[in-house]
mmCIF file of all heavy atoms, coordinates in Angstrom:
data_MODEL
# 
_entry.id   MODEL 
# 
loop_
_atom_site.group_PDB 
_atom_site.id 
_atom_site.type_symbol 
_atom_site.label_atom_id 
_atom_site.label_alt_id 
_atom_site.label_comp_id 
_atom_site.label_asym_id 
_atom_site.label_entity_id 
_atom_site.label_seq_id 
_atom_site.pdbx_PDB_ins_code 
_atom_site.Cartn_x 
_atom_site.Cartn_y 
_atom_site.Cartn_z 
_atom_site.occupancy 
_atom_site.B_iso_or_equiv 
_atom_site.pdbx_formal_charge 
_atom_site.auth_seq_id 
_atom_site.auth_comp_id 
_atom_site.auth_asym_id 
_atom_site.auth_atom_id 
_atom_site.pdbx_PDB_model_num 
ATOM 1   N N   . ALA A 1 1  ? -2.703 6.869   1.513   1.00 0.00 ? 1  ALA A N   1 
ATOM 2   C CA  . ALA A 1 1  ? -2.726 6.193   2.711   1.00 0.00 ? 1  ALA A CA  1 
ATOM 3   C C   . ALA A 1 1  ? -1.334 5.537   3.114   1.00 0.00 ? 1  ALA A C   1 
ATOM 4   O O   . ALA A 1 1  ? -0.988 5.445   4.281   1.00 0.00 ? 1  ALA A O   1 
ATOM 5   C CB  . ALA A 1 1  ? -3.772 5.082   2.808   1.00 0.00 ? 1  ALA A CB  1 
ATOM 6   N N   . VAL A 1 2  ? -0.691 4.995   2.132   1.00 0.00 ? 2  VAL A N   1 
ATOM 7   C CA  . VAL A 1 2  ? 0.623  4.320   2.413   1.00 0.00 ? 2  VAL A CA  1 
ATOM 8   C C   . VAL A 1 2  ? 1.704  5.309   2.841   1.00 0.00 ? 2  VAL A C   1 
ATOM 9   O O   . VAL A 1 2  ? 2.805  4.827   3.255   1.00 0.00 ? 2  VAL A O   1 
ATOM 10  C CB  . VAL A 1 2  ? 1.096  3.645   1.184   1.00 0.00 ? 2  VAL A CB  1 
ATOM 11  C CG1 . VAL A 1 2  ? 0.091  2.401   0.827   1.00 0.00 ? 2  VAL A CG1 1 
ATOM 12  C CG2 . VAL A 1 2  ? 1.335  4.451   -0.025  1.00 0.00 ? 2  VAL A CG2 1 
ATOM 13  N N   . MET A 1 3  ? 1.509  6.561   2.785   1.00 0.00 ? 3  MET A N   1 
ATOM 14  C CA  . MET A 1 3  ? 2.524  7.617   3.152   1.00 0.00 ? 3  MET A CA  1 
ATOM 15  C C   . MET A 1 3  ? 2.714  7.512   4.642   1.00 0.00 ? 3  MET A C   1 
ATOM 16  O O   . MET A 1 3  ? 3.772  7.810   5.248   1.00 0.00 ? 3  MET A O   1 
ATOM 17  C CB  . MET A 1 3  ? 2.070  8.917   2.675   1.00 0.00 ? 3  MET A CB  1 
ATOM 18  C CG  . MET A 1 3  ? 2.061  9.145   1.155   1.00 0.00 ? 3  MET A CG  1 
ATOM 19  S SD  . MET A 1 3  ? 3.590  8.820   0.216   1.00 0.00 ? 3  MET A SD  1 
ATOM 20  C CE  . MET A 1 3  ? 4.461  10.321  0.758   1.00 0.00 ? 3  MET A CE  1 
ATOM 21  N N   . ASP A 1 4  ? 1.810  6.995   5.448   1.00 0.00 ? 4  ASP A N   1 
ATOM 22  C CA  . ASP A 1 4  ? 1.731  6.942   6.825   1.00 0.00 ? 4  ASP A CA  1 
ATOM 23  C C   . ASP A 1 4  ? 2.507  5.744   7.249   1.00 0.00 ? 4  ASP A C   1 
ATOM 24  O O   . ASP A 1 4  ? 2.052  4.656   7.043   1.00 0.00 ? 4  ASP A O   1 
ATOM 25  C CB  . ASP A 1 4  ? 0.386  7.098   7.436   1.00 0.00 ? 4  ASP A CB  1 
ATOM 26  C CG  . ASP A 1 4  ? 0.462  6.984   9.047   1.00 0.00 ? 4  ASP A CG  1 
ATOM 27  O OD1 . ASP A 1 4  ? 0.927  7.925   9.583   1.00 0.00 ? 4  ASP A OD1 1 
ATOM 28  O OD2 . ASP A 1 4  ? -0.043 5.997   9.568   1.00 0.00 ? 4  ASP A OD2 1 
ATOM 29  N N   . PRO A 1 5  ? 3.626  5.920   8.110   1.00 0.00 ? 5  PRO A N   1 
ATOM 30  C CA  . PRO A 1 5  ? 4.315  4.643   8.551   1.00 0.00 ? 5  PRO A CA  1 
ATOM 31  C C   . PRO A 1 5  ? 3.463  3.773   9.434   1.00 0.00 ? 5  PRO A C   1 
ATOM 32  O O   . PRO A 1 5  ? 3.524  2.473   9.219   1.00 0.00 ? 5  PRO A O   1 
ATOM 33  C CB  . PRO A 1 5  ? 5.471  5.245   9.416   1.00 0.00 ? 5  PRO A CB  1 
ATOM 34  C CG  . PRO A 1 5  ? 5.636  6.640   9.075   1.00 0.00 ? 5  PRO A CG  1 
ATOM 35  C CD  . PRO A 1 5  ? 4.216  7.103   8.567   1.00 0.00 ? 5  PRO A CD  1 
ATOM 36  N N   . GLY A 1 6  ? 2.606  4.286   10.151  1.00 0.00 ? 6  GLY A N   1 
ATOM 37  C CA  . GLY A 1 6  ? 1.664  3.350   11.039  1.00 0.00 ? 6  GLY A CA  1 
ATOM 38  C C   . GLY A 1 6  ? 0.684  2.481   10.171  1.00 0.00 ? 6  GLY A C   1 
ATOM 39  O O   . GLY A 1 6  ? 0.392  1.474   10.473  1.00 0.00 ? 6  GLY A O   1 
ATOM 40  N N   . THR A 1 7  ? 0.387  3.136   9.076   1.00 0.00 ? 7  THR A N   1 
ATOM 41  C CA  . THR A 1 7  ? -0.597 2.469   8.060   1.00 0.00 ? 7  THR A CA  1 
ATOM 42  C C   . THR A 1 7  ? 0.276  1.367   7.403   1.00 0.00 ? 7  THR A C   1 
ATOM 43  O O   . THR A 1 7  ? -0.305 0.201   7.219   1.00 0.00 ? 7  THR A O   1 
ATOM 44  C CB  . THR A 1 7  ? -1.096 3.355   6.971   1.00 0.00 ? 7  THR A CB  1 
ATOM 45  O OG1 . THR A 1 7  ? -2.051 4.416   7.693   1.00 0.00 ? 7  THR A OG1 1 
ATOM 46  C CG2 . THR A 1 7  ? -1.989 2.630   5.877   1.00 0.00 ? 7  THR A CG2 1 
ATOM 47  N N   . ARG A 1 8  ? 1.451  1.584   7.024   1.00 0.00 ? 8  ARG A N   1 
ATOM 48  C CA  . ARG A 1 8  ? 2.214  0.532   6.553   1.00 0.00 ? 8  ARG A CA  1 
ATOM 49  C C   . ARG A 1 8  ? 2.446  -0.635  7.393   1.00 0.00 ? 8  ARG A C   1 
ATOM 50  O O   . ARG A 1 8  ? 2.369  -1.817  6.978   1.00 0.00 ? 8  ARG A O   1 
ATOM 51  C CB  . ARG A 1 8  ? 3.575  1.147   5.912   1.00 0.00 ? 8  ARG A CB  1 
ATOM 52  C CG  . ARG A 1 8  ? 3.402  2.059   4.745   1.00 0.00 ? 8  ARG A CG  1 
ATOM 53  C CD  . ARG A 1 8  ? 4.808  2.378   4.036   1.00 0.00 ? 8  ARG A CD  1 
ATOM 54  N NE  . ARG A 1 8  ? 5.781  2.937   4.860   1.00 0.00 ? 8  ARG A NE  1 
ATOM 55  C CZ  . ARG A 1 8  ? 5.959  4.220   5.186   1.00 0.00 ? 8  ARG A CZ  1 
ATOM 56  N NH1 . ARG A 1 8  ? 5.074  5.133   4.808   1.00 0.00 ? 8  ARG A NH1 1 
ATOM 57  N NH2 . ARG A 1 8  ? 6.994  4.597   5.929   1.00 0.00 ? 8  ARG A NH2 1 
ATOM 58  N N   . GLU A 1 9  ? 2.650  -0.251  8.772   1.00 0.00 ? 9  GLU A N   1 
ATOM 59  C CA  . GLU A 1 9  ? 2.777  -1.256  9.723   1.00 0.00 ? 9  GLU A CA  1 
ATOM 60  C C   . GLU A 1 9  ? 1.413  -2.171  9.861   1.00 0.00 ? 9  GLU A C   1 
ATOM 61  O O   . GLU A 1 9  ? 1.590  -3.382  9.942   1.00 0.00 ? 9  GLU A O   1 
ATOM 62  C CB  . GLU A 1 9  ? 3.107  -0.761  11.082  1.00 0.00 ? 9  GLU A CB  1 
ATOM 63  C CG  . GLU A 1 9  ? 4.528  -0.231  11.167  1.00 0.00 ? 9  GLU A CG  1 
ATOM 64  C CD  . GLU A 1 9  ? 4.755  0.435   12.559  1.00 0.00 ? 9  GLU A CD  1 
ATOM 65  O OE1 . GLU A 1 9  ? 4.076  -0.024  13.542  1.00 0.00 ? 9  GLU A OE1 1 
ATOM 66  O OE2 . GLU A 1 9  ? 5.620  1.385   12.693  1.00 0.00 ? 9  GLU A OE2 1 
ATOM 67  N N   . LEU A 1 10 ? 0.265  -1.526  9.760   1.00 0.00 ? 10 LEU A N   1 
ATOM 68  C CA  . LEU A 1 10 ? -0.962 -2.238  9.814   1.00 0.00 ? 10 LEU A CA  1 
ATOM 69  C C   . LEU A 1 10 ? -1.155 -3.184  8.632   1.00 0.00 ? 10 LEU A C   1 
ATOM 70  O O   . LEU A 1 10 ? -1.844 -4.207  8.780   1.00 0.00 ? 10 LEU A O   1 
ATOM 71  C CB  . LEU A 1 10 ? -2.100 -1.269  9.762   1.00 0.00 ? 10 LEU A CB  1 
ATOM 72  C CG  . LEU A 1 10 ? -2.439 -0.538  11.007  1.00 0.00 ? 10 LEU A CG  1 
ATOM 73  C CD1 . LEU A 1 10 ? -3.663 0.488   10.669  1.00 0.00 ? 10 LEU A CD1 1 
ATOM 74  C CD2 . LEU A 1 10 ? -3.026 -1.504  12.015  1.00 0.00 ? 10 LEU A CD2 1 
ATOM 75  N N   . LEU A 1 11 ? -0.516 -2.802  7.478   1.00 0.00 ? 11 LEU A N   1 
ATOM 76  C CA  . LEU A 1 11 ? -0.654 -3.635  6.281   1.00 0.00 ? 11 LEU A CA  1 
ATOM 77  C C   . LEU A 1 11 ? 0.282  -4.891  6.270   1.00 0.00 ? 11 LEU A C   1 
ATOM 78  O O   . LEU A 1 11 ? 0.156  -5.766  5.408   1.00 0.00 ? 11 LEU A O   1 
ATOM 79  C CB  . LEU A 1 11 ? -0.540 -2.740  5.070   1.00 0.00 ? 11 LEU A CB  1 
ATOM 80  C CG  . LEU A 1 11 ? -1.520 -1.659  4.890   1.00 0.00 ? 11 LEU A CG  1 
ATOM 81  C CD1 . LEU A 1 11 ? -1.184 -0.806  3.641   1.00 0.00 ? 11 LEU A CD1 1 
ATOM 82  C CD2 . LEU A 1 11 ? -2.979 -2.132  4.699   1.00 0.00 ? 11 LEU A CD2 1 
ATOM 83  N N   . ALA A 1 12 ? 1.304  -4.836  7.185   1.00 0.00 ? 12 ALA A N   1 
ATOM 84  C CA  . ALA A 1 12 ? 2.280  -5.935  7.051   1.00 0.00 ? 12 ALA A CA  1 
ATOM 85  C C   . ALA A 1 12 ? 1.571  -7.239  7.351   1.00 0.00 ? 12 ALA A C   1 
ATOM 86  O O   . ALA A 1 12 ? 0.778  -7.385  8.226   1.00 0.00 ? 12 ALA A O   1 
ATOM 87  C CB  . ALA A 1 12 ? 3.361  -5.649  8.213   1.00 0.00 ? 12 ALA A CB  1 
ATOM 88  N N   . GLY A 1 13 ? 1.902  -8.151  6.373   1.00 0.00 ? 13 GLY A N   1 
ATOM 89  C CA  . GLY A 1 13 ? 1.311  -9.541  6.577   1.00 0.00 ? 13 GLY A CA  1 
ATOM 90  C C   . GLY A 1 13 ? -0.133 -9.701  5.887   1.00 0.00 ? 13 GLY A C   1 
ATOM 91  O O   . GLY A 1 13 ? -0.574 -10.731 5.805   1.00 0.00 ? 13 GLY A O   1 
ATOM 92  N N   . LEU A 1 14 ? -0.750 -8.527  5.465   1.00 0.00 ? 14 LEU A N   1 
ATOM 93  C CA  . LEU A 1 14 ? -1.988 -8.659  4.915   1.00 0.00 ? 14 LEU A CA  1 
ATOM 94  C C   . LEU A 1 14 ? -1.854 -8.883  3.372   1.00 0.00 ? 14 LEU A C   1 
ATOM 95  O O   . LEU A 1 14 ? -0.880 -8.599  2.702   1.00 0.00 ? 14 LEU A O   1 
ATOM 96  C CB  . LEU A 1 14 ? -2.763 -7.379  5.184   1.00 0.00 ? 14 LEU A CB  1 
ATOM 97  C CG  . LEU A 1 14 ? -3.156 -7.014  6.641   1.00 0.00 ? 14 LEU A CG  1 
ATOM 98  C CD1 . LEU A 1 14 ? -4.017 -5.851  6.709   1.00 0.00 ? 14 LEU A CD1 1 
ATOM 99  C CD2 . LEU A 1 14 ? -3.950 -8.191  7.257   1.00 0.00 ? 14 LEU A CD2 1 
ATOM 100 N N   . PRO A 1 15 ? -2.938 -9.382  2.839   1.00 0.00 ? 15 PRO A N   1 
ATOM 101 C CA  . PRO A 1 15 ? -2.993 -9.702  1.354   1.00 0.00 ? 15 PRO A CA  1 
ATOM 102 C C   . PRO A 1 15 ? -3.106 -8.290  0.491   1.00 0.00 ? 15 PRO A C   1 
ATOM 103 O O   . PRO A 1 15 ? -4.183 -8.051  -0.050  1.00 0.00 ? 15 PRO A O   1 
ATOM 104 C CB  . PRO A 1 15 ? -4.114 -10.659 1.162   1.00 0.00 ? 15 PRO A CB  1 
ATOM 105 C CG  . PRO A 1 15 ? -5.078 -10.378 2.195   1.00 0.00 ? 15 PRO A CG  1 
ATOM 106 C CD  . PRO A 1 15 ? -4.132 -9.901  3.420   1.00 0.00 ? 15 PRO A CD  1 
ATOM 107 N N   . VAL A 1 16 ? -2.073 -7.600  0.438   1.00 0.00 ? 16 VAL A N   1 
ATOM 108 C CA  . VAL A 1 16 ? -2.057 -6.348  -0.226  1.00 0.00 ? 16 VAL A CA  1 
ATOM 109 C C   . VAL A 1 16 ? -1.689 -6.490  -1.701  1.00 0.00 ? 16 VAL A C   1 
ATOM 110 O O   . VAL A 1 16 ? -0.648 -7.093  -1.920  1.00 0.00 ? 16 VAL A O   1 
ATOM 111 C CB  . VAL A 1 16 ? -1.197 -5.352  0.514   1.00 0.00 ? 16 VAL A CB  1 
ATOM 112 C CG1 . VAL A 1 16 ? -1.282 -3.929  -0.195  1.00 0.00 ? 16 VAL A CG1 1 
ATOM 113 C CG2 . VAL A 1 16 ? -1.653 -5.122  2.015   1.00 0.00 ? 16 VAL A CG2 1 
ATOM 114 N N   . VAL A 1 17 ? -2.493 -5.770  -2.556  1.00 0.00 ? 17 VAL A N   1 
ATOM 115 C CA  . VAL A 1 17 ? -2.137 -5.820  -3.932  1.00 0.00 ? 17 VAL A CA  1 
ATOM 116 C C   . VAL A 1 17 ? -1.947 -4.401  -4.471  1.00 0.00 ? 17 VAL A C   1 
ATOM 117 O O   . VAL A 1 17 ? -2.906 -3.541  -4.220  1.00 0.00 ? 17 VAL A O   1 
ATOM 118 C CB  . VAL A 1 17 ? -3.170 -6.603  -4.826  1.00 0.00 ? 17 VAL A CB  1 
ATOM 119 C CG1 . VAL A 1 17 ? -2.779 -6.373  -6.333  1.00 0.00 ? 17 VAL A CG1 1 
ATOM 120 C CG2 . VAL A 1 17 ? -3.274 -8.041  -4.382  1.00 0.00 ? 17 VAL A CG2 1 
ATOM 121 N N   . PHE A 1 18 ? -0.845 -4.037  -4.974  1.00 0.00 ? 18 PHE A N   1 
ATOM 122 C CA  . PHE A 1 18 ? -0.566 -2.723  -5.573  1.00 0.00 ? 18 PHE A CA  1 
ATOM 123 C C   . PHE A 1 18 ? -1.116 -2.851  -6.989  1.00 0.00 ? 18 PHE A C   1 
ATOM 124 O O   . PHE A 1 18 ? -0.592 -3.547  -7.912  1.00 0.00 ? 18 PHE A O   1 
ATOM 125 C CB  . PHE A 1 18 ? 0.978  -2.446  -5.488  1.00 0.00 ? 18 PHE A CB  1 
ATOM 126 C CG  . PHE A 1 18 ? 1.398  -1.300  -6.377  1.00 0.00 ? 18 PHE A CG  1 
ATOM 127 C CD1 . PHE A 1 18 ? 0.655  -0.220  -6.760  1.00 0.00 ? 18 PHE A CD1 1 
ATOM 128 C CD2 . PHE A 1 18 ? 2.711  -1.311  -6.756  1.00 0.00 ? 18 PHE A CD2 1 
ATOM 129 C CE1 . PHE A 1 18 ? 1.098  0.864   -7.489  1.00 0.00 ? 18 PHE A CE1 1 
ATOM 130 C CE2 . PHE A 1 18 ? 3.257  -0.256  -7.490  1.00 0.00 ? 18 PHE A CE2 1 
ATOM 131 C CZ  . PHE A 1 18 ? 2.487  0.749   -7.887  1.00 0.00 ? 18 PHE A CZ  1 
ATOM 132 N N   . LEU A 1 19 ? -2.159 -2.102  -7.421  1.00 0.00 ? 19 LEU A N   1 
ATOM 133 C CA  . LEU A 1 19 ? -2.543 -2.052  -8.702  1.00 0.00 ? 19 LEU A CA  1 
ATOM 134 C C   . LEU A 1 19 ? -1.819 -0.728  -9.444  1.00 0.00 ? 19 LEU A C   1 
ATOM 135 O O   . LEU A 1 19 ? -1.961 0.368   -9.125  1.00 0.00 ? 19 LEU A O   1 
ATOM 136 C CB  . LEU A 1 19 ? -4.118 -1.574  -8.728  1.00 0.00 ? 19 LEU A CB  1 
ATOM 137 C CG  . LEU A 1 19 ? -4.989 -2.668  -8.058  1.00 0.00 ? 19 LEU A CG  1 
ATOM 138 C CD1 . LEU A 1 19 ? -6.576 -2.168  -8.337  1.00 0.00 ? 19 LEU A CD1 1 
ATOM 139 C CD2 . LEU A 1 19 ? -4.900 -3.944  -8.791  1.00 0.00 ? 19 LEU A CD2 1 
ATOM 140 N N   . ASP A 1 20 ? -0.836 -1.269  -10.230 1.00 0.00 ? 20 ASP A N   1 
ATOM 141 C CA  . ASP A 1 20 ? 0.085  -0.255  -10.822 1.00 0.00 ? 20 ASP A CA  1 
ATOM 142 C C   . ASP A 1 20 ? -0.581 0.184   -12.202 1.00 0.00 ? 20 ASP A C   1 
ATOM 143 O O   . ASP A 1 20 ? -1.092 -0.555  -12.904 1.00 0.00 ? 20 ASP A O   1 
ATOM 144 C CB  . ASP A 1 20 ? 1.386  -0.966  -11.124 1.00 0.00 ? 20 ASP A CB  1 
ATOM 145 C CG  . ASP A 1 20 ? 2.452  -0.040  -11.410 1.00 0.00 ? 20 ASP A CG  1 
ATOM 146 O OD1 . ASP A 1 20 ? 2.282  1.115   -11.393 1.00 0.00 ? 20 ASP A OD1 1 
ATOM 147 O OD2 . ASP A 1 20 ? 3.651  -0.483  -11.696 1.00 0.00 ? 20 ASP A OD2 1 
ATOM 148 N N   . VAL A 1 21 ? -0.405 1.461   -12.412 1.00 0.00 ? 21 VAL A N   1 
ATOM 149 C CA  . VAL A 1 21 ? -1.055 2.101   -13.645 1.00 0.00 ? 21 VAL A CA  1 
ATOM 150 C C   . VAL A 1 21 ? -0.015 3.119   -14.176 1.00 0.00 ? 21 VAL A C   1 
ATOM 151 O O   . VAL A 1 21 ? 0.575  3.809   -13.375 1.00 0.00 ? 21 VAL A O   1 
ATOM 152 C CB  . VAL A 1 21 ? -2.445 2.639   -13.290 1.00 0.00 ? 21 VAL A CB  1 
ATOM 153 C CG1 . VAL A 1 21 ? -2.347 3.696   -12.290 1.00 0.00 ? 21 VAL A CG1 1 
ATOM 154 C CG2 . VAL A 1 21 ? -3.162 3.159   -14.404 1.00 0.00 ? 21 VAL A CG2 1 
ATOM 155 N N   . GLN A 1 22 ? -0.083 3.339   -15.388 1.00 0.00 ? 22 GLN A N   1 
ATOM 156 C CA  . GLN A 1 22 ? 0.728  4.344   -16.036 1.00 0.00 ? 22 GLN A CA  1 
ATOM 157 C C   . GLN A 1 22 ? -0.134 5.585   -16.152 1.00 0.00 ? 22 GLN A C   1 
ATOM 158 O O   . GLN A 1 22 ? -1.324 5.533   -16.269 1.00 0.00 ? 22 GLN A O   1 
ATOM 159 C CB  . GLN A 1 22 ? 1.358  3.850   -17.333 1.00 0.00 ? 22 GLN A CB  1 
ATOM 160 C CG  . GLN A 1 22 ? 2.279  2.708   -17.241 1.00 0.00 ? 22 GLN A CG  1 
ATOM 161 C CD  . GLN A 1 22 ? 3.361  2.862   -16.336 1.00 0.00 ? 22 GLN A CD  1 
ATOM 162 O OE1 . GLN A 1 22 ? 4.127  3.988   -16.338 1.00 0.00 ? 22 GLN A OE1 1 
ATOM 163 N NE2 . GLN A 1 22 ? 3.638  2.017   -15.408 1.00 0.00 ? 22 GLN A NE2 1 
ATOM 164 N N   . LEU A 1 23 ? 0.581  6.730   -16.285 1.00 0.00 ? 23 LEU A N   1 
ATOM 165 C CA  . LEU A 1 23 ? -0.146 8.008   -16.294 1.00 0.00 ? 23 LEU A CA  1 
ATOM 166 C C   . LEU A 1 23 ? -1.157 7.986   -17.435 1.00 0.00 ? 23 LEU A C   1 
ATOM 167 O O   . LEU A 1 23 ? -2.400 8.491   -17.286 1.00 0.00 ? 23 LEU A O   1 
ATOM 168 C CB  . LEU A 1 23 ? 0.863  9.206   -16.570 1.00 0.00 ? 23 LEU A CB  1 
ATOM 169 C CG  . LEU A 1 23 ? 0.183  10.568  -16.717 1.00 0.00 ? 23 LEU A CG  1 
ATOM 170 C CD1 . LEU A 1 23 ? -0.615 10.941  -15.547 1.00 0.00 ? 23 LEU A CD1 1 
ATOM 171 C CD2 . LEU A 1 23 ? 1.249  11.616  -17.014 1.00 0.00 ? 23 LEU A CD2 1 
ATOM 172 N N   . ALA A 1 24 ? -0.900 7.476   -18.624 1.00 0.00 ? 24 ALA A N   1 
ATOM 173 C CA  . ALA A 1 24 ? -1.829 7.646   -19.790 1.00 0.00 ? 24 ALA A CA  1 
ATOM 174 C C   . ALA A 1 24 ? -3.102 6.844   -19.510 1.00 0.00 ? 24 ALA A C   1 
ATOM 175 O O   . ALA A 1 24 ? -4.218 7.285   -19.747 1.00 0.00 ? 24 ALA A O   1 
ATOM 176 C CB  . ALA A 1 24 ? -1.063 7.096   -21.053 1.00 0.00 ? 24 ALA A CB  1 
# 
């Protein structure tokens, strides 16, 4: 979803958390 620039704009200022995970 974050690939879309419009979606990234919608998320600006919101409490967004990136759940980072490694491949394994």
